[in-house]
Amino acid sequence: MASIRNLKKDIAFLANEVISDSQLFILFHPKQNADAAYSIIEDAVEMYNIMYSRANHPDGKDSPKLVKQHYKALRTDLLNQANSLFERISKLKD
């Protein structure tokens, strides 16, 4: 099982990538969909806060099986949410 520290680093990395991509979009396209890009940034910060909190507080601390399932679900949710945010960034130009 991957370490919790690496999971937290992945959470921070993905959130920062979404934020930096949104800021780059605003920089290169200042008059197009800036409000939508700021909304994506807010959602990325919210994703970071929720995922980090979930990483710090696993379900079923007494059962290793439940903890493993919790972190597996957390990683899946993180990747799905980050992917949806990146897709929203991609659709901003349209």
PDB file of N, CA and C in Angstrom:
ATOM      1  N   MET A   1       0.842  -1.176   0.000  1.00  0.00           N
ATOM      2  CA  MET A   1       0.000   0.000   0.000  1.00  0.00           C
ATOM      3  C   MET A   1       0.887   1.238   0.000  1.00  0.00           C
ATOM      4  N   ALA A   2       0.530   2.185  -0.810  1.00  0.00           N
ATOM      5  CA  ALA A   2       1.297   3.424  -0.877  1.00  0.00           C
ATOM      6  C   ALA A   2       1.154   4.186   0.440  1.00  0.00           C
ATOM      7  N   SER A   3       2.132   4.996   0.721  1.00  0.00           N
ATOM      8  CA  SER A   3       2.100   5.715   1.990  1.00  0.00           C
ATOM      9  C   SER A   3       1.103   6.875   1.944  1.00  0.00           C
ATOM     10  N   ILE A   4       0.624   7.233   3.104  1.00  0.00           N
ATOM     11  CA  ILE A   4      -0.322   8.341   3.222  1.00  0.00           C
ATOM     12  C   ILE A   4       0.357   9.645   2.832  1.00  0.00           C
ATOM     13  N   ARG A   5       1.637   9.747   3.140  1.00  0.00           N
ATOM     14  CA  ARG A   5       2.380  10.955   2.796  1.00  0.00           C
ATOM     15  C   ARG A   5       2.409  11.157   1.286  1.00  0.00           C
ATOM     16  N   ASN A   6       2.622  10.083   0.542  1.00  0.00           N
ATOM     17  CA  ASN A   6       2.630  10.199  -0.920  1.00  0.00           C
ATOM     18  C   ASN A   6       1.249  10.535  -1.460  1.00  0.00           C
ATOM     19  N   LEU A   7       0.209  10.004  -0.837  1.00  0.00           N
ATOM     20  CA  LEU A   7      -1.153  10.333  -1.239  1.00  0.00           C
ATOM     21  C   LEU A   7      -1.430  11.816  -1.032  1.00  0.00           C
ATOM     22  N   LYS A   8      -0.986  12.343   0.098  1.00  0.00           N
ATOM     23  CA  LYS A   8      -1.168  13.774   0.362  1.00  0.00           C
ATOM     24  C   LYS A   8      -0.391  14.617  -0.639  1.00  0.00           C
ATOM     25  N   LYS A   9       0.783  14.168  -1.029  1.00  0.00           N
ATOM     26  CA  LYS A   9       1.560  14.876  -2.048  1.00  0.00           C
ATOM     27  C   LYS A   9       0.839  14.845  -3.389  1.00  0.00           C
ATOM     28  N   ASP A  10       0.214  13.721  -3.716  1.00  0.00           N
ATOM     29  CA  ASP A  10      -0.547  13.616  -4.958  1.00  0.00           C
ATOM     30  C   ASP A  10      -1.743  14.553  -4.945  1.00  0.00           C
ATOM     31  N   ILE A  11      -2.413  14.654  -3.813  1.00  0.00           N
ATOM     32  CA  ILE A  11      -3.548  15.568  -3.685  1.00  0.00           C
ATOM     33  C   ILE A  11      -3.099  17.001  -3.932  1.00  0.00           C
ATOM     34  N   ALA A  12      -2.014  17.387  -3.289  1.00  0.00           N
ATOM     35  CA  ALA A  12      -1.502  18.756  -3.453  1.00  0.00           C
ATOM     36  C   ALA A  12      -1.047  18.995  -4.886  1.00  0.00           C
ATOM     37  N   PHE A  13      -0.383  18.016  -5.487  1.00  0.00           N
ATOM     38  CA  PHE A  13       0.113  18.170  -6.852  1.00  0.00           C
ATOM     39  C   PHE A  13      -1.034  18.369  -7.841  1.00  0.00           C
ATOM     40  N   LEU A  14      -2.051  17.520  -7.760  1.00  0.00           N
ATOM     41  CA  LEU A  14      -3.163  17.635  -8.703  1.00  0.00           C
ATOM     42  C   LEU A  14      -3.941  18.932  -8.520  1.00  0.00           C
ATOM     43  N   ALA A  15      -4.151  19.330  -7.293  1.00  0.00           N
ATOM     44  CA  ALA A  15      -4.850  20.593  -7.047  1.00  0.00           C
ATOM     45  C   ALA A  15      -4.035  21.767  -7.590  1.00  0.00           C
ATOM     46  N   ASN A  16      -2.734  21.747  -7.371  1.00  0.00           N
ATOM     47  CA  ASN A  16      -1.885  22.823  -7.876  1.00  0.00           C
ATOM     48  C   ASN A  16      -1.835  22.843  -9.401  1.00  0.00           C
ATOM     49  N   GLU A  17      -1.857  21.681 -10.033  1.00  0.00           N
ATOM     50  CA  GLU A  17      -1.859  21.627 -11.495  1.00  0.00           C
ATOM     51  C   GLU A  17      -3.143  22.210 -12.070  1.00  0.00           C
ATOM     52  N   VAL A  18      -4.268  21.900 -11.455  1.00  0.00           N
ATOM     53  CA  VAL A  18      -5.540  22.454 -11.916  1.00  0.00           C
ATOM     54  C   VAL A  18      -5.531  23.968 -11.756  1.00  0.00           C
ATOM     55  N   ILE A  19      -5.052  24.436 -10.619  1.00  0.00           N
ATOM     56  CA  ILE A  19      -5.008  25.880 -10.369  1.00  0.00           C
ATOM     57  C   ILE A  19      -4.075  26.575 -11.345  1.00  0.00           C
ATOM     58  N   SER A  20      -2.893  26.010 -11.578  1.00  0.00           N
ATOM     59  CA  SER A  20      -1.946  26.657 -12.492  1.00  0.00           C
ATOM     60  C   SER A  20      -2.458  26.639 -13.931  1.00  0.00           C
ATOM     61  N   ASP A  21      -3.120  25.550 -14.350  1.00  0.00           N
ATOM     62  CA  ASP A  21      -3.686  25.524 -15.698  1.00  0.00           C
ATOM     63  C   ASP A  21      -4.792  26.562 -15.852  1.00  0.00           C
ATOM     64  N   SER A  22      -5.598  26.735 -14.825  1.00  0.00           N
ATOM     65  CA  SER A  22      -6.650  27.753 -14.867  1.00  0.00           C
ATOM     66  C   SER A  22      -6.054  29.154 -14.922  1.00  0.00           C
ATOM     67  N   GLN A  23      -5.000  29.382 -14.151  1.00  0.00           N
ATOM     68  CA  GLN A  23      -4.353  30.694 -14.172  1.00  0.00           C
ATOM     69  C   GLN A  23      -3.697  30.966 -15.524  1.00  0.00           C
ATOM     70  N   LEU A  24      -3.123  29.953 -16.132  1.00  0.00           N
ATOM     71  CA  LEU A  24      -2.544  30.127 -17.463  1.00  0.00           C
ATOM     72  C   LEU A  24      -3.621  30.453 -18.483  1.00  0.00           C
ATOM     73  N   PHE A  25      -4.780  29.811 -18.368  1.00  0.00           N
ATOM     74  CA  PHE A  25      -5.875  30.136 -19.269  1.00  0.00           C
ATOM     75  C   PHE A  25      -6.278  31.597 -19.108  1.00  0.00           C
ATOM     76  N   ILE A  26      -6.394  32.056 -17.875  1.00  0.00           N
ATOM     77  CA  ILE A  26      -6.754  33.455 -17.626  1.00  0.00           C
ATOM     78  C   ILE A  26      -5.690  34.391 -18.178  1.00  0.00           C
ATOM     79  N   LEU A  27      -4.436  34.017 -18.053  1.00  0.00           N
ATOM     80  CA  LEU A  27      -3.338  34.839 -18.549  1.00  0.00           C
ATOM     81  C   LEU A  27      -3.363  34.949 -20.070  1.00  0.00           C
ATOM     82  N   PHE A  28      -3.587  33.839 -20.755  1.00  0.00           N
ATOM     83  CA  PHE A  28      -3.547  33.848 -22.216  1.00  0.00           C
ATOM     84  C   PHE A  28      -4.859  34.283 -22.856  1.00  0.00           C
ATOM     85  N   HIS A  29      -5.959  34.155 -22.145  1.00  0.00           N
ATOM     86  CA  HIS A  29      -7.279  34.528 -22.656  1.00  0.00           C
ATOM     87  C   HIS A  29      -7.989  35.388 -21.619  1.00  0.00           C
ATOM     88  N   PRO A  30      -7.538  36.622 -21.415  1.00  0.00           N
ATOM     89  CA  PRO A  30      -8.084  37.429 -20.305  1.00  0.00           C
ATOM     90  C   PRO A  30      -9.552  37.811 -20.471  1.00  0.00           C
ATOM     91  N   LYS A  31     -10.057  37.848 -21.680  1.00  0.00           N
ATOM     92  CA  LYS A  31     -11.427  38.303 -21.876  1.00  0.00           C
ATOM     93  C   LYS A  31     -12.410  37.156 -22.100  1.00  0.00           C
ATOM     94  N   GLN A  32     -11.926  35.923 -22.066  1.00  0.00           N
ATOM     95  CA  GLN A  32     -12.797  34.778 -22.318  1.00  0.00           C
ATOM     96  C   GLN A  32     -12.958  33.938 -21.059  1.00  0.00           C
ATOM     97  N   ASN A  33     -14.177  33.787 -20.614  1.00  0.00           N
ATOM     98  CA  ASN A  33     -14.519  32.858 -19.541  1.00  0.00           C
ATOM     99  C   ASN A  33     -13.651  32.968 -18.289  1.00  0.00           C
ATOM    100  N   ALA A  34     -13.258  34.147 -17.914  1.00  0.00           N
ATOM    101  CA  ALA A  34     -12.435  34.315 -16.711  1.00  0.00           C
ATOM    102  C   ALA A  34     -13.209  33.881 -15.468  1.00  0.00           C
ATOM    103  N   ASP A  35     -14.503  34.188 -15.446  1.00  0.00           N
ATOM    104  CA  ASP A  35     -15.310  33.795 -14.284  1.00  0.00           C
ATOM    105  C   ASP A  35     -15.386  32.275 -14.150  1.00  0.00           C
ATOM    106  N   ALA A  36     -15.491  31.583 -15.273  1.00  0.00           N
ATOM    107  CA  ALA A  36     -15.536  30.116 -15.238  1.00  0.00           C
ATOM    108  C   ALA A  36     -14.193  29.560 -14.769  1.00  0.00           C
ATOM    109  N   ALA A  37     -13.106  30.189 -15.176  1.00  0.00           N
ATOM    110  CA  ALA A  37     -11.780  29.735 -14.738  1.00  0.00           C
ATOM    111  C   ALA A  37     -11.602  29.955 -13.240  1.00  0.00           C
ATOM    112  N   TYR A  38     -12.088  31.068 -12.731  1.00  0.00           N
ATOM    113  CA  TYR A  38     -12.017  31.310 -11.287  1.00  0.00           C
ATOM    114  C   TYR A  38     -12.890  30.304 -10.525  1.00  0.00           C
ATOM    115  N   SER A  39     -13.997  29.925 -11.112  1.00  0.00           N
ATOM    116  CA  SER A  39     -14.849  28.911 -10.502  1.00  0.00           C
ATOM    117  C   SER A  39     -14.128  27.565 -10.425  1.00  0.00           C
ATOM    118  N   ILE A  40     -13.360  27.236 -11.452  1.00  0.00           N
ATOM    119  CA  ILE A  40     -12.585  25.993 -11.451  1.00  0.00           C
ATOM    120  C   ILE A  40     -11.517  26.048 -10.361  1.00  0.00           C
ATOM    121  N   ILE A  41     -10.896  27.205 -10.177  1.00  0.00           N
ATOM    122  CA  ILE A  41      -9.890  27.363  -9.125  1.00  0.00           C
ATOM    123  C   ILE A  41     -10.526  27.143  -7.754  1.00  0.00           C
ATOM    124  N   GLU A  42     -11.708  27.719  -7.545  1.00  0.00           N
ATOM    125  CA  GLU A  42     -12.402  27.530  -6.271  1.00  0.00           C
ATOM    126  C   GLU A  42     -12.741  26.057  -6.045  1.00  0.00           C
ATOM    127  N   ASP A  43     -13.165  25.372  -7.104  1.00  0.00           N
ATOM    128  CA  ASP A  43     -13.485  23.953  -6.982  1.00  0.00           C
ATOM    129  C   ASP A  43     -12.234  23.126  -6.692  1.00  0.00           C
ATOM    130  N   ALA A  44     -11.095  23.528  -7.261  1.00  0.00           N
ATOM    131  CA  ALA A  44      -9.841  22.814  -6.998  1.00  0.00           C
ATOM    132  C   ALA A  44      -9.411  22.976  -5.540  1.00  0.00           C
ATOM    133  N   VAL A  45      -9.586  24.163  -5.002  1.00  0.00           N
ATOM    134  CA  VAL A  45      -9.246  24.395  -3.594  1.00  0.00           C
ATOM    135  C   VAL A  45     -10.179  23.597  -2.694  1.00  0.00           C
ATOM    136  N   GLU A  46     -11.452  23.563  -3.048  1.00  0.00           N
ATOM    137  CA  GLU A  46     -12.412  22.776  -2.272  1.00  0.00           C
ATOM    138  C   GLU A  46     -12.070  21.284  -2.349  1.00  0.00           C
ATOM    139  N   MET A  47     -11.693  20.809  -3.550  1.00  0.00           N
ATOM    140  CA  MET A  47     -11.292  19.419  -3.715  1.00  0.00           C
ATOM    141  C   MET A  47     -10.090  19.111  -2.830  1.00  0.00           C
ATOM    142  N   TYR A  48      -9.113  20.004  -2.823  1.00  0.00           N
ATOM    143  CA  TYR A  48      -7.921  19.814  -1.996  1.00  0.00           C
ATOM    144  C   TYR A  48      -8.295  19.689  -0.525  1.00  0.00           C
ATOM    145  N   ASN A  49      -9.130  20.602  -0.043  1.00  0.00           N
ATOM    146  CA  ASN A  49      -9.513  20.584   1.377  1.00  0.00           C
ATOM    147  C   ASN A  49     -10.248  19.308   1.755  1.00  0.00           C
ATOM    148  N   ILE A  50     -11.175  18.882   0.924  1.00  0.00           N
ATOM    149  CA  ILE A  50     -11.961  17.683   1.222  1.00  0.00           C
ATOM    150  C   ILE A  50     -11.085  16.440   1.179  1.00  0.00           C
ATOM    151  N   MET A  51     -10.275  16.320   0.128  1.00  0.00           N
ATOM    152  CA  MET A  51      -9.438  15.127  -0.015  1.00  0.00           C
ATOM    153  C   MET A  51      -8.375  15.043   1.079  1.00  0.00           C
ATOM    154  N   TYR A  52      -7.799  16.165   1.427  1.00  0.00           N
ATOM    155  CA  TYR A  52      -6.781  16.181   2.475  1.00  0.00           C
ATOM    156  C   TYR A  52      -7.395  15.785   3.818  1.00  0.00           C
ATOM    157  N   SER A  53      -8.604  16.287   4.068  1.00  0.00           N
ATOM    158  CA  SER A  53      -9.300  15.928   5.301  1.00  0.00           C
ATOM    159  C   SER A  53      -9.629  14.437   5.315  1.00  0.00           C
ATOM    160  N   ARG A  54     -10.065  13.912   4.189  1.00  0.00           N
ATOM    161  CA  ARG A  54     -10.352  12.474   4.115  1.00  0.00           C
ATOM    162  C   ARG A  54      -9.085  11.649   4.310  1.00  0.00           C
ATOM    163  N   ALA A  55      -7.947  12.135   3.825  1.00  0.00           N
ATOM    164  CA  ALA A  55      -6.684  11.404   3.990  1.00  0.00           C
ATOM    165  C   ALA A  55      -6.266  11.389   5.457  1.00  0.00           C
ATOM    166  N   ASN A  56      -6.575  12.443   6.177  1.00  0.00           N
ATOM    167  CA  ASN A  56      -6.193  12.526   7.589  1.00  0.00           C
ATOM    168  C   ASN A  56      -7.115  11.749   8.513  1.00  0.00           C
ATOM    169  N   HIS A  57      -8.325  11.462   8.075  1.00  0.00           N
ATOM    170  CA  HIS A  57      -9.315  10.813   8.933  1.00  0.00           C
ATOM    171  C   HIS A  57      -9.906   9.595   8.235  1.00  0.00           C
ATOM    172  N   PRO A  58      -9.194   8.472   8.243  1.00  0.00           N
ATOM    173  CA  PRO A  58      -9.718   7.275   7.574  1.00  0.00           C
ATOM    174  C   PRO A  58     -10.880   6.657   8.343  1.00  0.00           C
ATOM    175  N   ASP A  59     -11.750   5.985   7.594  1.00  0.00           N
ATOM    176  CA  ASP A  59     -12.863   5.263   8.206  1.00  0.00           C
ATOM    177  C   ASP A  59     -12.367   3.942   8.770  1.00  0.00           C
ATOM    178  N   GLY A  60     -12.911   3.527   9.884  1.00  0.00           N
ATOM    179  CA  GLY A  60     -12.599   2.224  10.455  1.00  0.00           C
ATOM    180  C   GLY A  60     -11.144   2.066  10.841  1.00  0.00           C
ATOM    181  N   LYS A  61     -10.654   2.915  11.720  1.00  0.00           N
ATOM    182  CA  LYS A  61      -9.238   2.890  12.111  1.00  0.00           C
ATOM    183  C   LYS A  61      -8.797   1.555  12.705  1.00  0.00           C
ATOM    184  N   ASP A  62      -9.737   0.807  13.248  1.00  0.00           N
ATOM    185  CA  ASP A  62      -9.377  -0.456  13.905  1.00  0.00           C
ATOM    186  C   ASP A  62      -9.217  -1.612  12.920  1.00  0.00           C
ATOM    187  N   SER A  63      -9.790  -1.487  11.761  1.00  0.00           N
ATOM    188  CA  SER A  63      -9.759  -2.577  10.786  1.00  0.00           C
ATOM    189  C   SER A  63      -8.863  -2.201   9.607  1.00  0.00           C
ATOM    190  N   PRO A  64      -7.758  -2.887   9.420  1.00  0.00           N
ATOM    191  CA  PRO A  64      -6.861  -2.574   8.296  1.00  0.00           C
ATOM    192  C   PRO A  64      -7.537  -2.728   6.937  1.00  0.00           C
ATOM    193  N   LYS A  65      -8.480  -3.663   6.842  1.00  0.00           N
ATOM    194  CA  LYS A  65      -9.185  -3.870   5.580  1.00  0.00           C
ATOM    195  C   LYS A  65     -10.027  -2.645   5.223  1.00  0.00           C
ATOM    196  N   LEU A  66     -10.723  -2.086   6.206  1.00  0.00           N
ATOM    197  CA  LEU A  66     -11.531  -0.889   5.968  1.00  0.00           C
ATOM    198  C   LEU A  66     -10.666   0.317   5.639  1.00  0.00           C
ATOM    199  N   VAL A  67      -9.524   0.423   6.278  1.00  0.00           N
ATOM    200  CA  VAL A  67      -8.613   1.538   6.010  1.00  0.00           C
ATOM    201  C   VAL A  67      -8.095   1.450   4.580  1.00  0.00           C
ATOM    202  N   LYS A  68      -7.744   0.244   4.162  1.00  0.00           N
ATOM    203  CA  LYS A  68      -7.245   0.049   2.797  1.00  0.00           C
ATOM    204  C   LYS A  68      -8.329   0.403   1.776  1.00  0.00           C
ATOM    205  N   GLN A  69      -9.557  -0.014   2.035  1.00  0.00           N
ATOM    206  CA  GLN A  69     -10.666   0.332   1.146  1.00  0.00           C
ATOM    207  C   GLN A  69     -10.904   1.834   1.117  1.00  0.00           C
ATOM    208  N   HIS A  70     -10.761   2.482   2.266  1.00  0.00           N
ATOM    209  CA  HIS A  70     -10.957   3.931   2.347  1.00  0.00           C
ATOM    210  C   HIS A  70      -9.946   4.664   1.465  1.00  0.00           C
ATOM    211  N   TYR A  71      -8.676   4.290   1.573  1.00  0.00           N
ATOM    212  CA  TYR A  71      -7.654   4.986   0.795  1.00  0.00           C
ATOM    213  C   TYR A  71      -7.737   4.647  -0.693  1.00  0.00           C
ATOM    214  N   LYS A  72      -8.185   3.452  -1.018  1.00  0.00           N
ATOM    215  CA  LYS A  72      -8.380   3.101  -2.419  1.00  0.00           C
ATOM    216  C   LYS A  72      -9.505   3.943  -3.016  1.00  0.00           C
ATOM    217  N   ALA A  73     -10.599   4.086  -2.283  1.00  0.00           N
ATOM    218  CA  ALA A  73     -11.718   4.916  -2.734  1.00  0.00           C
ATOM    219  C   ALA A  73     -11.303   6.385  -2.812  1.00  0.00           C
ATOM    220  N   LEU A  74     -10.492   6.825  -1.868  1.00  0.00           N
ATOM    221  CA  LEU A  74     -10.015   8.209  -1.868  1.00  0.00           C
ATOM    222  C   LEU A  74      -9.181   8.488  -3.111  1.00  0.00           C
ATOM    223  N   ARG A  75      -8.270   7.588  -3.455  1.00  0.00           N
ATOM    224  CA  ARG A  75      -7.430   7.771  -4.644  1.00  0.00           C
ATOM    225  C   ARG A  75      -8.279   7.797  -5.915  1.00  0.00           C
ATOM    226  N   THR A  76      -9.271   6.915  -5.994  1.00  0.00           N
ATOM    227  CA  THR A  76     -10.161   6.884  -7.154  1.00  0.00           C
ATOM    228  C   THR A  76     -10.952   8.184  -7.266  1.00  0.00           C
ATOM    229  N   ASP A  77     -11.509   8.648  -6.153  1.00  0.00           N
ATOM    230  CA  ASP A  77     -12.262   9.905  -6.148  1.00  0.00           C
ATOM    231  C   ASP A  77     -11.375  11.081  -6.536  1.00  0.00           C
ATOM    232  N   LEU A  78     -10.153  11.088  -6.039  1.00  0.00           N
ATOM    233  CA  LEU A  78      -9.219  12.170  -6.357  1.00  0.00           C
ATOM    234  C   LEU A  78      -8.959  12.225  -7.856  1.00  0.00           C
ATOM    235  N   LEU A  79      -8.667  11.088  -8.451  1.00  0.00           N
ATOM    236  CA  LEU A  79      -8.377  11.069  -9.885  1.00  0.00           C
ATOM    237  C   LEU A  79      -9.599  11.446 -10.717  1.00  0.00           C
ATOM    238  N   ASN A  80     -10.773  10.997 -10.314  1.00  0.00           N
ATOM    239  CA  ASN A  80     -11.993  11.340 -11.049  1.00  0.00           C
ATOM    240  C   ASN A  80     -12.302  12.831 -10.964  1.00  0.00           C
ATOM    241  N   GLN A  81     -12.167  13.414  -9.782  1.00  0.00           N
ATOM    242  CA  GLN A  81     -12.456  14.836  -9.628  1.00  0.00           C
ATOM    243  C   GLN A  81     -11.430  15.693 -10.351  1.00  0.00           C
ATOM    244  N   ALA A  82     -10.161  15.323 -10.265  1.00  0.00           N
ATOM    245  CA  ALA A  82      -9.126  16.079 -10.971  1.00  0.00           C
ATOM    246  C   ALA A  82      -9.352  15.992 -12.469  1.00  0.00           C
ATOM    247  N   ASN A  83      -9.716  14.817 -12.960  1.00  0.00           N
ATOM    248  CA  ASN A  83      -9.975  14.654 -14.384  1.00  0.00           C
ATOM    249  C   ASN A  83     -11.142  15.526 -14.837  1.00  0.00           C
ATOM    250  N   SER A  84     -12.197  15.587 -14.039  1.00  0.00           N
ATOM    251  CA  SER A  84     -13.340  16.417 -14.418  1.00  0.00           C
ATOM    252  C   SER A  84     -12.974  17.904 -14.418  1.00  0.00           C
ATOM    253  N   LEU A  85     -12.110  18.320 -13.493  1.00  0.00           N
ATOM    254  CA  LEU A  85     -11.671  19.717 -13.487  1.00  0.00           C
ATOM    255  C   LEU A  85     -10.809  20.022 -14.709  1.00  0.00           C
ATOM    256  N   PHE A  86      -9.931  19.097 -15.082  1.00  0.00           N
ATOM    257  CA  PHE A  86      -9.123  19.305 -16.283  1.00  0.00           C
ATOM    258  C   PHE A  86      -9.997  19.353 -17.541  1.00  0.00           C
ATOM    259  N   GLU A  87     -11.036  18.542 -17.584  1.00  0.00           N
ATOM    260  CA  GLU A  87     -11.957  18.587 -18.719  1.00  0.00           C
ATOM    261  C   GLU A  87     -12.686  19.921 -18.784  1.00  0.00           C
ATOM    262  N   ARG A  88     -13.059  20.451 -17.627  1.00  0.00           N
ATOM    263  CA  ARG A  88     -13.711  21.771 -17.601  1.00  0.00           C
ATOM    264  C   ARG A  88     -12.769  22.854 -18.117  1.00  0.00           C
ATOM    265  N   ILE A  89     -11.503  22.749 -17.793  1.00  0.00           N
ATOM    266  CA  ILE A  89     -10.513  23.709 -18.299  1.00  0.00           C
ATOM    267  C   ILE A  89     -10.417  23.596 -19.809  1.00  0.00           C
ATOM    268  N   SER A  90     -10.403  22.380 -20.311  1.00  0.00           N
ATOM    269  CA  SER A  90     -10.301  22.155 -21.761  1.00  0.00           C
ATOM    270  C   SER A  90     -11.486  22.740 -22.508  1.00  0.00           C
ATOM    271  N   LYS A  91     -12.659  22.724 -21.888  1.00  0.00           N
ATOM    272  CA  LYS A  91     -13.871  23.230 -22.543  1.00  0.00           C
ATOM    273  C   LYS A  91     -14.018  24.746 -22.460  1.00  0.00           C
ATOM    274  N   LEU A  92     -13.143  25.410 -21.719  1.00  0.00           N
ATOM    275  CA  LEU A  92     -13.266  26.858 -21.569  1.00  0.00           C
ATOM    276  C   LEU A  92     -13.056  27.600 -22.887  1.00  0.00           C
ATOM    277  N   LYS A  93     -12.193  27.109 -23.720  1.00  0.00           N
ATOM    278  CA  LYS A  93     -11.862  27.789 -24.963  1.00  0.00           C
ATOM    279  C   LYS A  93     -13.002  27.736 -25.960  1.00  0.00           C
ATOM    280  N   ASP A  94     -13.855  26.719 -25.858  1.00  0.00           N
ATOM    281  CA  ASP A  94     -14.945  26.540 -26.829  1.00  0.00           C
ATOM    282  C   ASP A  94     -15.955  27.635 -26.745  1.00  0.00           C
TER     283      ASP A  94
END
